[in-house]
Structure formats: C-alpha cells, structure tokens
Amino acid sequence: MTPSVTPGVTQGGQTAIVLRPDVRLPDWRVVSAPRARAAVAANLAATGKAARFAGLAAASDAVWRRLLGLHVELGRAPSADQIAKSVGLPCASVSAALADLASRDIIVRDSAGRIVAAYPFSQPATGHLVSLGGHTLNAMCAIDALGIGAMIGRDVAIASSCRRCGAAIGIATEGRGSAIARASPAGPVVWASTAYESHAALSLCRATAFFCDEDHFAAWRTAEGATLPGHLLALDEGLQFARAIFVPFLAEDGRQRGR
C-alpha cells in the first residue's frame, strides 16, 4: 500500500512530517512562542519522529486514527476486534497495523498484545486525568494532557499535581481545547522532557510534568539532577507545544480541529 507519510519537508522554515495530504506534524503554525518552538524542535530530535513515522501505510494510519477515536468514545483502549469492526478491515489487517504502530512507538502494547497506551492516552494511571463529557481518561504526561482537548476539538478539565510538592493542579481549556481558560494555582508551569529512550512511555513521559511554579520546578530539578534534559514552559507555551504535536494526529486533509 502506498505510504501516507513523507518525512523531512519544511513548514515555516522548520522540519515537519507530511502525515496526510496538507497535514504536517508538527503543525508549526500554532507555535508562536520562542520557548515552545525550541521545545518542539528538541522533541523531534530526541524522539526521532521523522524516522518513526516514515513509510507509515494508509492502513496503519486508518487503524491509528480509529483507535484514538474509540478511546475517546469508550473511555478506554479498544480491542483489536472493536477497531476492526469500526474501521471495516479484517482482524488480520488490524493486528498487522497494530504491530506496525507499536514498532514505531506510536502505541504501546503488553505481552498479550493488549493496547496499554496510545499517545496521548494511557490505560494505567499516570496522575494526569482529563475529563471530557462522560469519561475521564489518563493522559500519558502533562503535555499529552494539554493536547487531548485540542486533538478532539473539545474543552476539557485536567486534574494533575505538582511533581515537587504534590499539590493539586487544575486546568480548564476553552476554544475547543485551543486556549487555557483557567488554572489553579495561578501560573503553573510544565517541564517538557527530552530524555527519550526506546519508548516515550517509559522515559520522556515519566519526567514530563506540571509544577506549581518555577521555584518548585527548580527545587525538583536540583534534586533530580541539574543536567536533566528538557524545556521549561509556561502553561500557554505548553499548550502550543501540545497542539502542534497532537492536533495533526486526527486531522484530515488539513482540516484541523480546535481552531
């Protein structure tokens, strides 16, 4: 089947991946803050997204998008049979697509082949809860939590905590997930880790977190090690980062939701 992904194009002078016709990953158009642009570029380099998405077949792409959609509808990861029925492909084709997606670290499966993560979603609890409609889902990390609403074009409520002190952090979005409506406490920040090893779920995502403020982040980083790689972002900068990465996941022919 003809690959649907072509790596290495440019958008606004930055490297991007052609995910689908007129859909670029990341979408640099929504990243205006210099710190957010630097963080996105660092994420691309650390995770090797261009290489991981290169040659993604149309069947794998279709299974991936339906998997994400079903996750929102069901409030949990779907089974291969549920995906097959929904996308209209034989079970064998869906199984092959899931194996392909897992090999690229687009999804994560356990030893029995069950889906345990499909970025930005996680089946196991992560401490980052995203409420939308009748479901509350686990986001893989702080950036993923910020990206879910924009990806599906809906406003969400995020319940997380400060990685340093454990205090509750609540965030609500507006504009169909495209902007921050309010946050408690005021002025939380997000650390976008670039410590990637093999699977984001087991490396980068574990260190990507919210903090009450920059002082709490500084204290945590001192305790964790001053050389920990990543970028510290204000909440609106973190949302720009998240939109750039996650909105293209479900976009069709450039008609990206949440704008």
C-alpha atoms as a PDB file:
ATOM      1  CA  MET A   1       0.000   0.000   0.000  1.00  0.00           C
ATOM      2  CA  THR A   2       1.275   3.495  -0.756  1.00  0.00           C
ATOM      3  CA  PRO A   3       2.891   5.111   2.284  1.00  0.00           C
ATOM      4  CA  SER A   4       0.957   8.095   3.600  1.00  0.00           C
ATOM      5  CA  VAL A   5       3.838   9.747   5.428  1.00  0.00           C
ATOM      6  CA  THR A   6       6.763  11.632   3.945  1.00  0.00           C
ATOM      7  CA  PRO A   7       9.384  12.957   6.355  1.00  0.00           C
ATOM      8  CA  GLY A   8      11.677  15.924   6.000  1.00  0.00           C
ATOM      9  CA  VAL A   9       9.552  18.702   4.480  1.00  0.00           C
ATOM     10  CA  THR A  10       9.591  22.236   5.831  1.00  0.00           C
ATOM     11  CA  GLN A  11       6.833  24.405   7.261  1.00  0.00           C
ATOM     12  CA  GLY A  12       7.688  27.970   8.173  1.00  0.00           C
ATOM     13  CA  GLY A  13      11.375  27.133   7.902  1.00  0.00           C
ATOM     14  CA  GLN A  14      11.084  24.217  10.336  1.00  0.00           C
ATOM     15  CA  THR A  15      11.243  20.480   9.719  1.00  0.00           C
ATOM     16  CA  ALA A  16       7.876  18.739   9.559  1.00  0.00           C
ATOM     17  CA  ILE A  17       6.438  15.393   8.516  1.00  0.00           C
ATOM     18  CA  VAL A  18       3.724  15.072   5.869  1.00  0.00           C
ATOM     19  CA  LEU A  19       1.297  12.961   7.854  1.00  0.00           C
ATOM     20  CA  ARG A  20      -1.578  13.173   5.360  1.00  0.00           C
ATOM     21  CA  PRO A  21      -2.353  15.478   2.423  1.00  0.00           C
ATOM     22  CA  ASP A  22      -1.966  19.032   3.748  1.00  0.00           C
ATOM     23  CA  VAL A  23      -1.369  17.774   7.304  1.00  0.00           C
ATOM     24  CA  ARG A  24       2.025  18.434   8.864  1.00  0.00           C
ATOM     25  CA  LEU A  25       3.462  17.000  12.075  1.00  0.00           C
ATOM     26  CA  PRO A  26       4.185  19.130  13.990  1.00  0.00           C
ATOM     27  CA  ASP A  27       1.914  21.985  12.957  1.00  0.00           C
ATOM     28  CA  TRP A  28       4.354  24.858  13.312  1.00  0.00           C
ATOM     29  CA  ARG A  29       1.633  27.414  12.550  1.00  0.00           C
ATOM     30  CA  VAL A  30       0.283  27.188  16.109  1.00  0.00           C
ATOM     31  CA  VAL A  31       3.680  27.594  17.790  1.00  0.00           C
ATOM     32  CA  SER A  32       4.472  31.291  18.138  1.00  0.00           C
ATOM     33  CA  ALA A  33       6.372  31.389  21.444  1.00  0.00           C
ATOM     34  CA  PRO A  34      10.157  31.014  21.004  1.00  0.00           C
ATOM     35  CA  ARG A  35      10.465  28.678  24.013  1.00  0.00           C
ATOM     36  CA  ALA A  36       7.673  26.482  22.695  1.00  0.00           C
ATOM     37  CA  ARG A  37       9.274  26.328  19.239  1.00  0.00           C
ATOM     38  CA  ALA A  38      12.582  25.318  20.796  1.00  0.00           C
ATOM     39  CA  ALA A  39      10.853  22.628  22.857  1.00  0.00           C
ATOM     40  CA  VAL A  40       9.047  21.174  19.833  1.00  0.00           C
ATOM     41  CA  ALA A  41      12.256  21.103  17.796  1.00  0.00           C
ATOM     42  CA  ALA A  42      14.062  19.386  20.666  1.00  0.00           C
ATOM     43  CA  ASN A  43      11.268  16.817  20.954  1.00  0.00           C
ATOM     44  CA  LEU A  44      11.514  15.981  17.245  1.00  0.00           C
ATOM     45  CA  ALA A  45      15.259  15.496  17.534  1.00  0.00           C
ATOM     46  CA  ALA A  46      15.146  13.466  20.747  1.00  0.00           C
ATOM     47  CA  THR A  47      12.339  11.112  19.722  1.00  0.00           C
ATOM     48  CA  GLY A  48      13.272  10.669  16.068  1.00  0.00           C
ATOM     49  CA  LYS A  49       9.684  11.250  14.963  1.00  0.00           C
ATOM     50  CA  ALA A  50      10.580  11.694  11.294  1.00  0.00           C
ATOM     51  CA  ALA A  51      12.204   8.269  11.130  1.00  0.00           C
ATOM     52  CA  ARG A  52       9.492   6.606  13.221  1.00  0.00           C
ATOM     53  CA  PHE A  53       6.656   7.936  11.063  1.00  0.00           C
ATOM     54  CA  ALA A  54       8.412   7.409   7.723  1.00  0.00           C
ATOM     55  CA  GLY A  55       6.585   4.959   5.472  1.00  0.00           C
ATOM     56  CA  LEU A  56       3.516   4.657   7.688  1.00  0.00           C
ATOM     57  CA  ALA A  57       0.993   2.903   5.452  1.00  0.00           C
ATOM     58  CA  ALA A  58      -2.524   4.193   4.918  1.00  0.00           C
ATOM     59  CA  ALA A  59      -3.971   1.108   6.659  1.00  0.00           C
ATOM     60  CA  SER A  60      -1.857   1.699   9.762  1.00  0.00           C
ATOM     61  CA  ASP A  61      -2.842   5.350   9.742  1.00  0.00           C
ATOM     62  CA  ALA A  62      -6.536   4.477   9.499  1.00  0.00           C
ATOM     63  CA  VAL A  63      -6.299   1.989  12.367  1.00  0.00           C
ATOM     64  CA  TRP A  64      -4.378   4.517  14.465  1.00  0.00           C
ATOM     65  CA  ARG A  65      -6.951   7.270  13.996  1.00  0.00           C
ATOM     66  CA  ARG A  66      -9.861   4.961  14.720  1.00  0.00           C
ATOM     67  CA  LEU A  67      -8.086   3.614  17.788  1.00  0.00           C
ATOM     68  CA  LEU A  68      -7.799   7.158  19.159  1.00  0.00           C
ATOM     69  CA  GLY A  69     -11.416   7.942  18.315  1.00  0.00           C
ATOM     70  CA  LEU A  70     -12.677   4.787  20.008  1.00  0.00           C
ATOM     71  CA  HIS A  71     -10.559   5.542  23.059  1.00  0.00           C
ATOM     72  CA  VAL A  72     -12.488   8.801  23.460  1.00  0.00           C
ATOM     73  CA  GLU A  73     -15.860   7.161  22.786  1.00  0.00           C
ATOM     74  CA  LEU A  74     -15.310   4.202  25.125  1.00  0.00           C
ATOM     75  CA  GLY A  75     -13.231   5.884  27.810  1.00  0.00           C
ATOM     76  CA  ARG A  76     -10.584   3.175  27.465  1.00  0.00           C
ATOM     77  CA  ALA A  77      -8.380   1.478  24.894  1.00  0.00           C
ATOM     78  CA  PRO A  78     -10.377  -0.564  22.362  1.00  0.00           C
ATOM     79  CA  SER A  79      -9.657  -4.174  21.469  1.00  0.00           C
ATOM     80  CA  ALA A  80      -8.386  -5.197  18.048  1.00  0.00           C
ATOM     81  CA  ASP A  81     -11.821  -6.670  17.286  1.00  0.00           C
ATOM     82  CA  GLN A  82     -13.541  -3.388  18.140  1.00  0.00           C
ATOM     83  CA  ILE A  83     -11.171  -1.493  15.889  1.00  0.00           C
ATOM     84  CA  ALA A  84     -11.685  -3.975  13.048  1.00  0.00           C
ATOM     85  CA  LYS A  85     -15.463  -3.663  13.230  1.00  0.00           C
ATOM     86  CA  SER A  86     -15.283   0.116  13.360  1.00  0.00           C
ATOM     87  CA  VAL A  87     -12.751   0.678  10.590  1.00  0.00           C
ATOM     88  CA  GLY A  88     -14.032  -2.072   8.288  1.00  0.00           C
ATOM     89  CA  LEU A  89     -10.803  -4.045   7.944  1.00  0.00           C
ATOM     90  CA  PRO A  90     -10.155  -7.752   8.549  1.00  0.00           C
ATOM     91  CA  CYS A  91      -8.860  -8.608  12.014  1.00  0.00           C
ATOM     92  CA  ALA A  92      -5.597  -9.817  10.498  1.00  0.00           C
ATOM     93  CA  SER A  93      -5.040  -6.427   8.845  1.00  0.00           C
ATOM     94  CA  VAL A  94      -5.782  -4.595  12.091  1.00  0.00           C
ATOM     95  CA  SER A  95      -3.391  -6.863  14.010  1.00  0.00           C
ATOM     96  CA  ALA A  96      -0.655  -6.173  11.472  1.00  0.00           C
ATOM     97  CA  ALA A  97      -1.313  -2.438  11.691  1.00  0.00           C
ATOM     98  CA  LEU A  98      -1.173  -2.505  15.500  1.00  0.00           C
ATOM     99  CA  ALA A  99       2.135  -4.361  15.371  1.00  0.00           C
ATOM    100  CA  ASP A 100       3.448  -1.717  12.967  1.00  0.00           C
ATOM    101  CA  LEU A 101       2.273   1.135  15.216  1.00  0.00           C
ATOM    102  CA  ALA A 102       3.848  -0.498  18.270  1.00  0.00           C
ATOM    103  CA  SER A 103       7.170  -0.909  16.463  1.00  0.00           C
ATOM    104  CA  ARG A 104       7.176   2.837  15.819  1.00  0.00           C
ATOM    105  CA  ASP A 105       6.301   3.757  19.450  1.00  0.00           C
ATOM    106  CA  ILE A 106       3.014   5.284  18.300  1.00  0.00           C
ATOM    107  CA  ILE A 107       1.206   2.883  20.603  1.00  0.00           C
ATOM    108  CA  VAL A 108       2.393   0.575  23.399  1.00  0.00           C
ATOM    109  CA  ARG A 109       1.156  -2.993  23.915  1.00  0.00           C
ATOM    110  CA  ASP A 110       1.673  -5.503  26.691  1.00  0.00           C
ATOM    111  CA  SER A 111       2.988  -9.055  26.312  1.00  0.00           C
ATOM    112  CA  ALA A 112      -0.525 -10.272  25.447  1.00  0.00           C
ATOM    113  CA  GLY A 113      -0.876  -7.701  22.656  1.00  0.00           C
ATOM    114  CA  ARG A 114      -3.350  -5.509  24.507  1.00  0.00           C
ATOM    115  CA  ILE A 115      -3.094  -1.754  23.963  1.00  0.00           C
ATOM    116  CA  VAL A 116      -1.847  -0.087  27.138  1.00  0.00           C
ATOM    117  CA  ALA A 117      -1.012   3.297  25.629  1.00  0.00           C
ATOM    118  CA  ALA A 118      -1.858   5.226  22.502  1.00  0.00           C
ATOM    119  CA  TYR A 119      -0.290   8.652  22.868  1.00  0.00           C
ATOM    120  CA  PRO A 120      -1.726  10.873  24.296  1.00  0.00           C
ATOM    121  CA  PHE A 121      -3.741   8.241  26.216  1.00  0.00           C
ATOM    122  CA  SER A 122      -2.619   5.746  28.839  1.00  0.00           C
ATOM    123  CA  GLN A 123      -4.515   2.806  30.301  1.00  0.00           C
ATOM    124  CA  PRO A 124      -2.534   2.692  33.597  1.00  0.00           C
ATOM    125  CA  ALA A 125      -2.959   5.656  35.927  1.00  0.00           C
ATOM    126  CA  THR A 126      -0.354   8.357  35.400  1.00  0.00           C
ATOM    127  CA  GLY A 127      -1.534  11.116  37.734  1.00  0.00           C
ATOM    128  CA  HIS A 128      -2.768  13.208  34.773  1.00  0.00           C
ATOM    129  CA  LEU A 129      -6.568  12.931  34.445  1.00  0.00           C
ATOM    130  CA  VAL A 130      -8.518  14.524  31.603  1.00  0.00           C
ATOM    131  CA  SER A 131     -12.300  14.813  31.884  1.00  0.00           C
ATOM    132  CA  LEU A 132     -14.382  15.220  28.735  1.00  0.00           C
ATOM    133  CA  GLY A 133     -18.096  14.639  28.657  1.00  0.00           C
ATOM    134  CA  GLY A 134     -18.922  11.384  30.405  1.00  0.00           C
ATOM    135  CA  HIS A 135     -15.376   9.988  30.523  1.00  0.00           C
ATOM    136  CA  THR A 136     -12.231  10.669  32.497  1.00  0.00           C
ATOM    137  CA  LEU A 137      -9.102   9.426  30.740  1.00  0.00           C
ATOM    138  CA  ASN A 138      -5.476   9.021  31.758  1.00  0.00           C
ATOM    139  CA  ALA A 139      -3.081  11.176  29.771  1.00  0.00           C
ATOM    140  CA  MET A 140       0.426   9.839  29.331  1.00  0.00           C
ATOM    141  CA  CYS A 141       2.072  13.036  30.618  1.00  0.00           C
ATOM    142  CA  ALA A 142       1.462  16.746  31.241  1.00  0.00           C
ATOM    143  CA  ILE A 143       1.951  17.751  27.601  1.00  0.00           C
ATOM    144  CA  ASP A 144      -0.336  14.934  26.470  1.00  0.00           C
ATOM    145  CA  ALA A 145      -2.997  16.121  28.934  1.00  0.00           C
ATOM    146  CA  LEU A 146      -2.855  19.585  27.381  1.00  0.00           C
ATOM    147  CA  GLY A 147      -3.109  18.141  23.874  1.00  0.00           C
ATOM    148  CA  ILE A 148      -6.150  15.892  24.233  1.00  0.00           C
ATOM    149  CA  GLY A 149      -8.786  18.624  24.086  1.00  0.00           C
ATOM    150  CA  ALA A 150      -7.232  20.266  21.050  1.00  0.00           C
ATOM    151  CA  MET A 151      -6.808  16.922  19.293  1.00  0.00           C
ATOM    152  CA  ILE A 152     -10.509  16.063  19.603  1.00  0.00           C
ATOM    153  CA  GLY A 153     -11.792  19.648  19.362  1.00  0.00           C
ATOM    154  CA  ARG A 154     -13.401  19.725  22.816  1.00  0.00           C
ATOM    155  CA  ASP A 155     -12.862  21.647  26.028  1.00  0.00           C
ATOM    156  CA  VAL A 156     -11.541  19.512  28.868  1.00  0.00           C
ATOM    157  CA  ALA A 157     -10.737  19.677  32.567  1.00  0.00           C
ATOM    158  CA  ILE A 158      -7.298  18.457  33.645  1.00  0.00           C
ATOM    159  CA  ALA A 159      -6.577  17.238  37.167  1.00  0.00           C
ATOM    160  CA  SER A 160      -2.914  16.701  37.969  1.00  0.00           C
ATOM    161  CA  SER A 161      -0.422  17.633  40.687  1.00  0.00           C
ATOM    162  CA  CYS A 162       2.878  19.373  41.244  1.00  0.00           C
ATOM    163  CA  ARG A 163       5.718  16.912  40.767  1.00  0.00           C
ATOM    164  CA  ARG A 164       7.657  18.669  43.538  1.00  0.00           C
ATOM    165  CA  CYS A 165       5.141  19.156  46.373  1.00  0.00           C
ATOM    166  CA  GLY A 166       2.136  17.075  45.332  1.00  0.00           C
ATOM    167  CA  ALA A 167      -0.321  19.980  45.482  1.00  0.00           C
ATOM    168  CA  ALA A 168      -3.341  19.644  43.204  1.00  0.00           C
ATOM    169  CA  ILE A 169      -3.176  21.430  39.856  1.00  0.00           C
ATOM    170  CA  GLY A 170      -6.406  22.006  37.935  1.00  0.00           C
ATOM    171  CA  ILE A 171      -6.618  23.328  34.388  1.00  0.00           C
ATOM    172  CA  ALA A 172      -9.605  24.018  32.145  1.00  0.00           C
ATOM    173  CA  THR A 173      -9.447  24.772  28.434  1.00  0.00           C
ATOM    174  CA  GLU A 174     -11.651  26.843  26.147  1.00  0.00           C
ATOM    175  CA  GLY A 175     -11.996  27.437  22.409  1.00  0.00           C
ATOM    176  CA  ARG A 176     -12.394  23.688  21.810  1.00  0.00           C
ATOM    177  CA  GLY A 177      -9.160  22.940  23.595  1.00  0.00           C
ATOM    178  CA  SER A 178      -7.143  25.672  21.906  1.00  0.00           C
ATOM    179  CA  ALA A 179      -6.643  28.011  24.892  1.00  0.00           C
ATOM    180  CA  ILE A 180      -6.309  27.983  28.664  1.00  0.00           C
ATOM    181  CA  ALA A 181      -9.496  29.150  30.379  1.00  0.00           C
ATOM    182  CA  ARG A 182      -8.231  28.966  33.957  1.00  0.00           C
ATOM    183  CA  ALA A 183      -5.678  27.233  36.149  1.00  0.00           C
ATOM    184  CA  SER A 184      -5.332  26.608  39.860  1.00  0.00           C
ATOM    185  CA  PRO A 185      -2.995  27.585  41.370  1.00  0.00           C
ATOM    186  CA  ALA A 186      -2.291  30.562  39.125  1.00  0.00           C
ATOM    187  CA  GLY A 187       0.797  30.287  36.975  1.00  0.00           C
ATOM    188  CA  PRO A 188       1.677  26.585  36.887  1.00  0.00           C
ATOM    189  CA  VAL A 189       4.495  25.567  34.561  1.00  0.00           C
ATOM    190  CA  VAL A 190       5.203  22.412  32.600  1.00  0.00           C
ATOM    191  CA  TRP A 191       8.505  20.628  32.095  1.00  0.00           C
ATOM    192  CA  ALA A 192       8.833  19.078  28.625  1.00  0.00           C
ATOM    193  CA  SER A 193      11.453  16.391  28.996  1.00  0.00           C
ATOM    194  CA  THR A 194      13.626  15.253  26.093  1.00  0.00           C
ATOM    195  CA  ALA A 195      15.035  12.199  27.909  1.00  0.00           C
ATOM    196  CA  TYR A 196      13.876   9.657  25.312  1.00  0.00           C
ATOM    197  CA  GLU A 197      14.947   6.024  25.310  1.00  0.00           C
ATOM    198  CA  SER A 198      13.195   3.489  23.078  1.00  0.00           C
ATOM    199  CA  HIS A 199       9.646   4.213  24.333  1.00  0.00           C
ATOM    200  CA  ALA A 200       8.329   7.595  25.432  1.00  0.00           C
ATOM    201  CA  ALA A 201       6.001   5.925  27.930  1.00  0.00           C
ATOM    202  CA  LEU A 202       8.983   4.530  29.834  1.00  0.00           C
ATOM    203  CA  SER A 203      11.294   7.535  29.566  1.00  0.00           C
ATOM    204  CA  LEU A 204      10.342  11.001  28.337  1.00  0.00           C
ATOM    205  CA  CYS A 205       6.739  10.863  29.559  1.00  0.00           C
ATOM    206  CA  ARG A 206       7.704   9.904  33.094  1.00  0.00           C
ATOM    207  CA  ALA A 207       9.609  13.165  33.526  1.00  0.00           C
ATOM    208  CA  THR A 208       7.182  15.481  31.683  1.00  0.00           C
ATOM    209  CA  ALA A 209       5.143  17.058  34.461  1.00  0.00           C
ATOM    210  CA  PHE A 210       3.354  20.065  35.923  1.00  0.00           C
ATOM    211  CA  PHE A 211       4.748  22.218  38.728  1.00  0.00           C
ATOM    212  CA  CYS A 212       3.107  24.867  40.896  1.00  0.00           C
ATOM    213  CA  ASP A 213       5.626  27.446  39.738  1.00  0.00           C
ATOM    214  CA  GLU A 214       9.212  27.893  38.597  1.00  0.00           C
ATOM    215  CA  ASP A 215      10.548  27.705  42.157  1.00  0.00           C
ATOM    216  CA  HIS A 216       9.049  24.256  42.661  1.00  0.00           C
ATOM    217  CA  PHE A 217      10.468  23.157  39.331  1.00  0.00           C
ATOM    218  CA  ALA A 218      13.922  24.449  40.266  1.00  0.00           C
ATOM    219  CA  ALA A 219      13.839  22.570  43.562  1.00  0.00           C
ATOM    220  CA  TRP A 220      12.758  19.363  41.832  1.00  0.00           C
ATOM    221  CA  ARG A 221      15.392  19.640  39.141  1.00  0.00           C
ATOM    222  CA  THR A 222      18.127  20.211  41.717  1.00  0.00           C
ATOM    223  CA  ALA A 223      17.025  17.039  43.483  1.00  0.00           C
ATOM    224  CA  GLU A 224      16.751  15.058  40.234  1.00  0.00           C
ATOM    225  CA  GLY A 225      19.990  16.318  38.722  1.00  0.00           C
ATOM    226  CA  ALA A 226      20.825  19.627  37.088  1.00  0.00           C
ATOM    227  CA  THR A 227      21.624  18.014  33.730  1.00  0.00           C
ATOM    228  CA  LEU A 228      18.136  16.576  33.220  1.00  0.00           C
ATOM    229  CA  PRO A 229      17.344  17.465  29.554  1.00  0.00           C
ATOM    230  CA  GLY A 230      14.212  19.328  28.550  1.00  0.00           C
ATOM    231  CA  HIS A 231      12.468  22.690  28.347  1.00  0.00           C
ATOM    232  CA  LEU A 232      10.504  24.623  30.966  1.00  0.00           C
ATOM    233  CA  LEU A 233       7.346  26.188  29.548  1.00  0.00           C
ATOM    234  CA  ALA A 234       4.594  28.462  30.776  1.00  0.00           C
ATOM    235  CA  LEU A 235       1.165  26.871  30.545  1.00  0.00           C
ATOM    236  CA  ASP A 236       0.193  28.636  27.312  1.00  0.00           C
ATOM    237  CA  GLU A 237       3.546  27.672  25.792  1.00  0.00           C
ATOM    238  CA  GLY A 238       2.947  24.068  26.822  1.00  0.00           C
ATOM    239  CA  LEU A 239      -0.446  24.177  25.117  1.00  0.00           C
ATOM    240  CA  GLN A 240       1.161  25.467  21.909  1.00  0.00           C
ATOM    241  CA  PHE A 241       3.588  22.549  22.056  1.00  0.00           C
ATOM    242  CA  ALA A 242       0.753  20.086  22.670  1.00  0.00           C
ATOM    243  CA  ARG A 243      -1.432  21.458  19.863  1.00  0.00           C
ATOM    244  CA  ALA A 244       1.444  21.280  17.395  1.00  0.00           C
ATOM    245  CA  ILE A 245       2.024  17.607  18.134  1.00  0.00           C
ATOM    246  CA  PHE A 246      -1.426  16.175  18.813  1.00  0.00           C
ATOM    247  CA  VAL A 247      -3.919  18.056  16.618  1.00  0.00           C
ATOM    248  CA  PRO A 248      -2.396  16.533  13.439  1.00  0.00           C
ATOM    249  CA  PHE A 249      -2.962  13.012  14.807  1.00  0.00           C
ATOM    250  CA  LEU A 250      -6.680  13.147  13.922  1.00  0.00           C
ATOM    251  CA  ALA A 251      -6.621  15.843  11.255  1.00  0.00           C
ATOM    252  CA  GLU A 252      -7.970  15.007   7.799  1.00  0.00           C
ATOM    253  CA  ASP A 253      -6.653  16.857   4.763  1.00  0.00           C
ATOM    254  CA  GLY A 254      -5.571  19.813   6.849  1.00  0.00           C
ATOM    255  CA  ARG A 255      -8.964  20.475   8.399  1.00  0.00           C
ATOM    256  CA  GLN A 256      -7.544  20.530  11.882  1.00  0.00           C
ATOM    257  CA  ARG A 257      -9.993  20.734  14.733  1.00  0.00           C
ATOM    258  CA  GLY A 258      -9.870  23.058  17.674  1.00  0.00           C
ATOM    259  CA  ARG A 259      -9.114  26.196  15.655  1.00  0.00           C
END
